[in-house]
C-alpha atoms as a PDB file:
ATOM      1  CA  GLN A   1      53.729 118.386 184.211  1.00  0.00           C
ATOM      2  CA  VAL A   2      54.994 118.225 180.360  1.00  0.00           C
ATOM      3  CA  GLN A   3      58.141 120.279 179.895  1.00  0.00           C
ATOM      4  CA  LEU A   4      59.806 120.179 176.788  1.00  0.00           C
ATOM      5  CA  VAL A   5      63.637 121.661 176.383  1.00  0.00           C
ATOM      6  CA  GLU A   6      65.047 122.061 173.142  1.00  0.00           C
ATOM      7  CA  SER A   7      69.024 122.732 172.462  1.00  0.00           C
ATOM      8  CA  GLY A   8      71.135 122.528 169.562  1.00  0.00           C
ATOM      9  CA  GLY A   9      70.542 125.526 166.885  1.00  0.00           C
ATOM     10  CA  GLY A  10      72.621 127.680 166.143  1.00  0.00           C
ATOM     11  CA  LEU A  11      74.670 128.812 163.245  1.00  0.00           C
ATOM     12  CA  VAL A  12      75.984 127.035 159.894  1.00  0.00           C
ATOM     13  CA  GLN A  13      76.724 127.489 156.636  1.00  0.00           C
ATOM     14  CA  PRO A  14      75.053 126.340 154.168  1.00  0.00           C
ATOM     15  CA  GLY A  15      75.648 122.545 153.208  1.00  0.00           C
ATOM     16  CA  GLY A  16      76.148 122.107 156.672  1.00  0.00           C
ATOM     17  CA  SER A  17      74.535 119.917 159.602  1.00  0.00           C
ATOM     18  CA  LEU A  18      73.009 120.634 163.196  1.00  0.00           C
ATOM     19  CA  ARG A  19      71.598 118.293 165.420  1.00  0.00           C
ATOM     20  CA  LEU A  20      68.257 119.723 167.626  1.00  0.00           C
ATOM     21  CA  SER A  21      67.716 117.257 170.771  1.00  0.00           C
ATOM     22  CA  CYS A  22      64.036 117.858 172.374  1.00  0.00           C
ATOM     23  CA  ALA A  23      64.250 116.662 176.619  1.00  0.00           C
ATOM     24  CA  ALA A  24      61.082 115.764 177.443  1.00  0.00           C
ATOM     25  CA  SER A  25      59.748 115.130 180.942  1.00  0.00           C
ATOM     26  CA  GLY A  26      56.009 114.220 182.721  1.00  0.00           C
ATOM     27  CA  ILE A  27      54.972 112.484 179.263  1.00  0.00           C
ATOM     28  CA  SER A  28      55.096 108.485 177.908  1.00  0.00           C
ATOM     29  CA  PHE A  29      56.235 108.358 174.583  1.00  0.00           C
ATOM     30  CA  SER A  30      54.056 106.097 173.520  1.00  0.00           C
ATOM     31  CA  ASN A  31      51.106 107.961 174.555  1.00  0.00           C
ATOM     32  CA  TYR A  32      52.292 110.927 172.014  1.00  0.00           C
ATOM     33  CA  VAL A  33      53.368 111.764 168.683  1.00  0.00           C
ATOM     34  CA  MET A  34      56.689 113.906 168.730  1.00  0.00           C
ATOM     35  CA  GLY A  35      57.524 116.358 166.723  1.00  0.00           C
ATOM     36  CA  TRP A  36      59.712 119.144 165.354  1.00  0.00           C
ATOM     37  CA  PHE A  37      57.857 122.653 163.477  1.00  0.00           C
ATOM     38  CA  ARG A  38      59.392 125.741 162.507  1.00  0.00           C
ATOM     39  CA  GLN A  39      58.944 129.181 161.963  1.00  0.00           C
ATOM     40  CA  ALA A  40      60.771 131.567 159.543  1.00  0.00           C
ATOM     41  CA  PRO A  41      60.005 135.251 159.889  1.00  0.00           C
ATOM     42  CA  GLY A  42      56.784 136.542 158.981  1.00  0.00           C
ATOM     43  CA  GLU A  43      55.848 132.686 158.030  1.00  0.00           C
ATOM     44  CA  GLN A  44      53.240 130.483 159.714  1.00  0.00           C
ATOM     45  CA  ARG A  45      54.655 127.752 161.822  1.00  0.00           C
ATOM     46  CA  ASP A  46      55.266 124.377 159.200  1.00  0.00           C
ATOM     47  CA  LEU A  47      55.677 120.407 160.661  1.00  0.00           C
ATOM     48  CA  VAL A  48      59.024 119.666 159.831  1.00  0.00           C
ATOM     49  CA  ALA A  49      58.756 116.056 160.838  1.00  0.00           C
ATOM     50  CA  THR A  50      56.888 113.755 163.603  1.00  0.00           C
ATOM     51  CA  ILE A  51      57.661 110.631 165.075  1.00  0.00           C
ATOM     52  CA  THR A  52      54.877 108.444 166.768  1.00  0.00           C
ATOM     53  CA  GLY A  53      55.555 105.684 169.856  1.00  0.00           C
ATOM     54  CA  THR A  54      55.373 103.376 167.868  1.00  0.00           C
ATOM     55  CA  GLY A  55      58.095 104.512 165.603  1.00  0.00           C
ATOM     56  CA  ARG A  56      55.879 105.569 162.031  1.00  0.00           C
ATOM     57  CA  ILE A  57      57.859 108.812 160.884  1.00  0.00           C
ATOM     58  CA  ASN A  58      56.373 111.954 159.125  1.00  0.00           C
ATOM     59  CA  TYR A  59      58.610 114.168 157.161  1.00  0.00           C
ATOM     60  CA  ALA A  60      57.768 117.399 154.956  1.00  0.00           C
ATOM     61  CA  ASP A  61      58.665 117.335 151.204  1.00  0.00           C
ATOM     62  CA  SER A  62      61.209 119.735 151.484  1.00  0.00           C
ATOM     63  CA  VAL A  63      63.120 118.048 154.595  1.00  0.00           C
ATOM     64  CA  LYS A  64      63.178 114.490 153.144  1.00  0.00           C
ATOM     65  CA  GLY A  65      66.560 112.681 152.543  1.00  0.00           C
ATOM     66  CA  ARG A  66      68.143 115.525 154.332  1.00  0.00           C
ATOM     67  CA  PHE A  67      66.794 115.705 158.158  1.00  0.00           C
ATOM     68  CA  THR A  68      66.066 112.951 160.336  1.00  0.00           C
ATOM     69  CA  ILE A  69      63.719 112.488 162.855  1.00  0.00           C
ATOM     70  CA  SER A  70      64.525 109.629 166.169  1.00  0.00           C
ATOM     71  CA  GLY A  71      63.633 109.235 169.473  1.00  0.00           C
ATOM     72  CA  ASP A  72      65.087 107.915 172.748  1.00  0.00           C
ATOM     73  CA  ASP A  73      62.102 106.475 174.916  1.00  0.00           C
ATOM     74  CA  ALA A  74      64.655 105.877 177.960  1.00  0.00           C
ATOM     75  CA  GLU A  75      66.359 109.387 177.984  1.00  0.00           C
ATOM     76  CA  LYS A  76      62.999 110.898 176.625  1.00  0.00           C
ATOM     77  CA  THR A  77      64.433 112.607 174.045  1.00  0.00           C
ATOM     78  CA  VAL A  78      63.689 113.351 170.662  1.00  0.00           C
ATOM     79  CA  TYR A  79      66.342 114.458 168.034  1.00  0.00           C
ATOM     80  CA  LEU A  80      66.495 116.182 164.688  1.00  0.00           C
ATOM     81  CA  GLN A  81      69.117 115.373 162.816  1.00  0.00           C
ATOM     82  CA  MET A  82      69.495 117.930 159.806  1.00  0.00           C
ATOM     83  CA  ASN A  83      72.274 117.740 157.346  1.00  0.00           C
ATOM     84  CA  SER A  84      72.736 119.643 153.963  1.00  0.00           C
ATOM     85  CA  LEU A  85      71.369 122.569 155.436  1.00  0.00           C
ATOM     86  CA  LYS A  86      70.304 125.368 153.143  1.00  0.00           C
ATOM     87  CA  PRO A  87      69.591 128.753 153.882  1.00  0.00           C
ATOM     88  CA  GLU A  88      65.744 128.071 153.795  1.00  0.00           C
ATOM     89  CA  ASP A  89      66.145 126.385 156.506  1.00  0.00           C
ATOM     90  CA  THR A  90      66.483 129.343 157.985  1.00  0.00           C
ATOM     91  CA  ALA A  91      64.045 129.591 160.793  1.00  0.00           C
ATOM     92  CA  ASP A  92      62.945 129.081 165.209  1.00  0.00           C
ATOM     93  CA  TYR A  93      62.477 125.248 165.444  1.00  0.00           C
ATOM     94  CA  TYR A  94      60.111 123.779 168.287  1.00  0.00           C
ATOM     95  CA  CYS A  95      59.526 120.862 169.260  1.00  0.00           C
ATOM     96  CA  ASN A  96      56.186 119.644 170.010  1.00  0.00           C
ATOM     97  CA  VAL A  97      54.391 116.721 171.819  1.00  0.00           C
ATOM     98  CA  TYR A  98      50.373 115.757 170.663  1.00  0.00           C
ATOM     99  CA  ASN A  99      48.279 113.528 172.747  1.00  0.00           C
ATOM    100  CA  PRO A 100      45.984 111.956 170.036  1.00  0.00           C
ATOM    101  CA  SER A 101      43.325 110.945 172.616  1.00  0.00           C
ATOM    102  CA  ARG A 102      42.971 114.509 174.743  1.00  0.00           C
ATOM    103  CA  LYS A 103      43.420 116.629 172.137  1.00  0.00           C
ATOM    104  CA  ILE A 104      46.493 118.772 173.072  1.00  0.00           C
ATOM    105  CA  HIS A 105      49.677 119.896 171.924  1.00  0.00           C
ATOM    106  CA  TYR A 106      52.433 120.910 174.269  1.00  0.00           C
ATOM    107  CA  TRP A 107      55.620 123.349 172.785  1.00  0.00           C
ATOM    108  CA  GLY A 108      58.907 123.549 173.753  1.00  0.00           C
ATOM    109  CA  GLN A 109      60.548 127.568 173.746  1.00  0.00           C
ATOM    110  CA  GLY A 110      62.003 127.202 170.649  1.00  0.00           C
ATOM    111  CA  THR A 111      65.696 127.056 169.369  1.00  0.00           C
ATOM    112  CA  GLN A 112      67.350 129.274 166.168  1.00  0.00           C
ATOM    113  CA  VAL A 113      68.563 127.926 163.491  1.00  0.00           C
ATOM    114  CA  THR A 114      70.549 130.299 160.747  1.00  0.00           C
ATOM    115  CA  VAL A 115      71.839 128.595 158.054  1.00  0.00           C
ATOM    116  CA  SER A 116      74.256 131.582 155.772  1.00  0.00           C
ATOM    117  CA  SER A 117      77.472 131.702 154.550  1.00  0.00           C
END
């Protein structure tokens, strides 16, 4: 059974930083694509960043140069380091794992990030 538990959200001022963590159980990183999505109120859920078991990384244009995704296979944890945060980064952030061979997505419960002065 796959379980994802996010942590690290909160309130931060513009220009500040936060690090989100996603602790995964029931999976092997090498078989999955790990990622972060976000959803602002009234908006669709959008991709933020993904990382594969081989370390291939993809970012949304809106976060390139500010956010960094990383994974620790031993700890079964995926991180999202968010720097130079902007008010438009305010959203609920969701951890996602995707098994390409089985075409199955799993989602965490979400963690709220608010960027405001």
